[in-house]
Amino acid sequence: MIQQKQIERPFDLLAYYIGREVKVTCKAYKEYEISGKLLAFDQHKNLVLELNEEGKTKTKFLNGDNVLFIEEN
């Protein structure tokens, strides 16, 4: 569990999530969730996730404009 004093800015929490499994709630035409290991992010909330789909590891880019929530999985 992360300590409260380690979080001074919102991006501190995202930096804490690097390398961890997260669940991202997105909204495009409809709301949906995607889970995977957070590999990278930028100031626009663009995310790079590593997903395990059908026994294969895939890397996906999520556009930050569509990201609603990010939480540890």
C-alpha atoms as a PDB file:
ATOM      1  CA  MET A   1       0.000   0.000   0.000  1.00  0.00           C
ATOM      2  CA  ILE A   2       1.296   3.440  -0.884  1.00  0.00           C
ATOM      3  CA  GLN A   3       1.888   5.950   1.892  1.00  0.00           C
ATOM      4  CA  GLN A   4      -0.172   9.151   1.791  1.00  0.00           C
ATOM      5  CA  LYS A   5       2.911  11.392   2.074  1.00  0.00           C
ATOM      6  CA  GLN A   6       4.424   9.812  -1.056  1.00  0.00           C
ATOM      7  CA  ILE A   7       1.620  11.336  -3.133  1.00  0.00           C
ATOM      8  CA  GLU A   8       2.071  15.049  -3.659  1.00  0.00           C
ATOM      9  CA  ARG A   9       0.815  15.274  -7.253  1.00  0.00           C
ATOM     10  CA  PRO A  10      -1.586  13.130  -9.290  1.00  0.00           C
ATOM     11  CA  PHE A  11       1.226  11.827 -11.496  1.00  0.00           C
ATOM     12  CA  ASP A  12       3.042  10.515  -8.400  1.00  0.00           C
ATOM     13  CA  LEU A  13       0.305   7.899  -8.154  1.00  0.00           C
ATOM     14  CA  LEU A  14       0.722   6.939 -11.821  1.00  0.00           C
ATOM     15  CA  ALA A  15       4.480   6.650 -11.306  1.00  0.00           C
ATOM     16  CA  TYR A  16       3.778   4.307  -8.373  1.00  0.00           C
ATOM     17  CA  TYR A  17       1.650   2.133 -10.689  1.00  0.00           C
ATOM     18  CA  ILE A  18       4.476   1.608 -13.241  1.00  0.00           C
ATOM     19  CA  GLY A  19       5.126  -2.130 -13.500  1.00  0.00           C
ATOM     20  CA  ARG A  20       1.924  -2.978 -11.591  1.00  0.00           C
ATOM     21  CA  GLU A  21      -1.379  -4.421 -12.766  1.00  0.00           C
ATOM     22  CA  VAL A  22      -3.980  -1.682 -13.215  1.00  0.00           C
ATOM     23  CA  LYS A  23      -7.587  -1.464 -14.342  1.00  0.00           C
ATOM     24  CA  VAL A  24      -8.350   1.458 -16.653  1.00  0.00           C
ATOM     25  CA  THR A  25     -11.894   2.656 -17.260  1.00  0.00           C
ATOM     26  CA  CYS A  26     -12.220   4.338 -20.650  1.00  0.00           C
ATOM     27  CA  LYS A  27     -14.979   6.012 -22.582  1.00  0.00           C
ATOM     28  CA  ALA A  28     -15.143   6.129 -26.347  1.00  0.00           C
ATOM     29  CA  TYR A  29     -18.591   5.388 -27.743  1.00  0.00           C
ATOM     30  CA  LYS A  30     -19.391   3.486 -24.558  1.00  0.00           C
ATOM     31  CA  GLU A  31     -17.664   2.948 -21.226  1.00  0.00           C
ATOM     32  CA  TYR A  32     -15.344  -0.073 -20.992  1.00  0.00           C
ATOM     33  CA  GLU A  33     -12.539  -1.426 -18.800  1.00  0.00           C
ATOM     34  CA  ILE A  34      -9.148  -2.790 -19.747  1.00  0.00           C
ATOM     35  CA  SER A  35      -6.640  -4.405 -17.391  1.00  0.00           C
ATOM     36  CA  GLY A  36      -2.909  -4.863 -17.778  1.00  0.00           C
ATOM     37  CA  LYS A  37       0.531  -3.923 -16.524  1.00  0.00           C
ATOM     38  CA  LEU A  38       1.230  -0.181 -16.781  1.00  0.00           C
ATOM     39  CA  LEU A  39       4.475   0.315 -18.693  1.00  0.00           C
ATOM     40  CA  ALA A  40       4.462   4.069 -19.356  1.00  0.00           C
ATOM     41  CA  PHE A  41       2.391   7.270 -19.277  1.00  0.00           C
ATOM     42  CA  ASP A  42       2.765  10.927 -20.202  1.00  0.00           C
ATOM     43  CA  GLN A  43       1.326  14.283 -19.140  1.00  0.00           C
ATOM     44  CA  HIS A  44      -1.756  13.733 -21.357  1.00  0.00           C
ATOM     45  CA  LYS A  45      -2.656  10.463 -19.570  1.00  0.00           C
ATOM     46  CA  ASN A  46      -1.672   8.485 -22.656  1.00  0.00           C
ATOM     47  CA  LEU A  47      -0.914   5.014 -21.337  1.00  0.00           C
ATOM     48  CA  VAL A  48       1.064   2.004 -22.526  1.00  0.00           C
ATOM     49  CA  LEU A  49      -0.239  -1.283 -21.122  1.00  0.00           C
ATOM     50  CA  GLU A  50       1.051  -4.822 -21.421  1.00  0.00           C
ATOM     51  CA  LEU A  51      -1.889  -7.215 -21.800  1.00  0.00           C
ATOM     52  CA  ASN A  52      -2.132 -10.988 -21.684  1.00  0.00           C
ATOM     53  CA  GLU A  53      -4.699 -11.976 -24.293  1.00  0.00           C
ATOM     54  CA  GLU A  54      -5.287 -15.571 -25.317  1.00  0.00           C
ATOM     55  CA  GLY A  55      -1.941 -16.644 -23.863  1.00  0.00           C
ATOM     56  CA  LYS A  56      -0.023 -13.956 -25.770  1.00  0.00           C
ATOM     57  CA  THR A  57       1.529 -10.792 -24.409  1.00  0.00           C
ATOM     58  CA  LYS A  58       0.503  -7.668 -26.308  1.00  0.00           C
ATOM     59  CA  THR A  59       1.427  -4.026 -25.867  1.00  0.00           C
ATOM     60  CA  LYS A  60      -1.407  -1.509 -26.240  1.00  0.00           C
ATOM     61  CA  PHE A  61      -1.498   2.282 -26.383  1.00  0.00           C
ATOM     62  CA  LEU A  62      -4.480   4.043 -24.774  1.00  0.00           C
ATOM     63  CA  ASN A  63      -5.298   7.604 -25.759  1.00  0.00           C
ATOM     64  CA  GLY A  64      -5.451   9.767 -22.642  1.00  0.00           C
ATOM     65  CA  ASP A  65      -8.538  11.615 -23.903  1.00  0.00           C
ATOM     66  CA  ASN A  66     -10.520   8.410 -23.364  1.00  0.00           C
ATOM     67  CA  VAL A  67      -9.191   7.566 -19.867  1.00  0.00           C
ATOM     68  CA  LEU A  68     -11.699   8.104 -17.046  1.00  0.00           C
ATOM     69  CA  PHE A  69     -10.213   6.149 -14.117  1.00  0.00           C
ATOM     70  CA  ILE A  70      -7.017   4.286 -13.311  1.00  0.00           C
ATOM     71  CA  GLU A  71      -6.841   1.990 -10.301  1.00  0.00           C
ATOM     72  CA  GLU A  72      -4.577  -0.749  -9.024  1.00  0.00           C
ATOM     73  CA  ASN A  73      -5.922  -4.162  -9.942  1.00  0.00           C
END
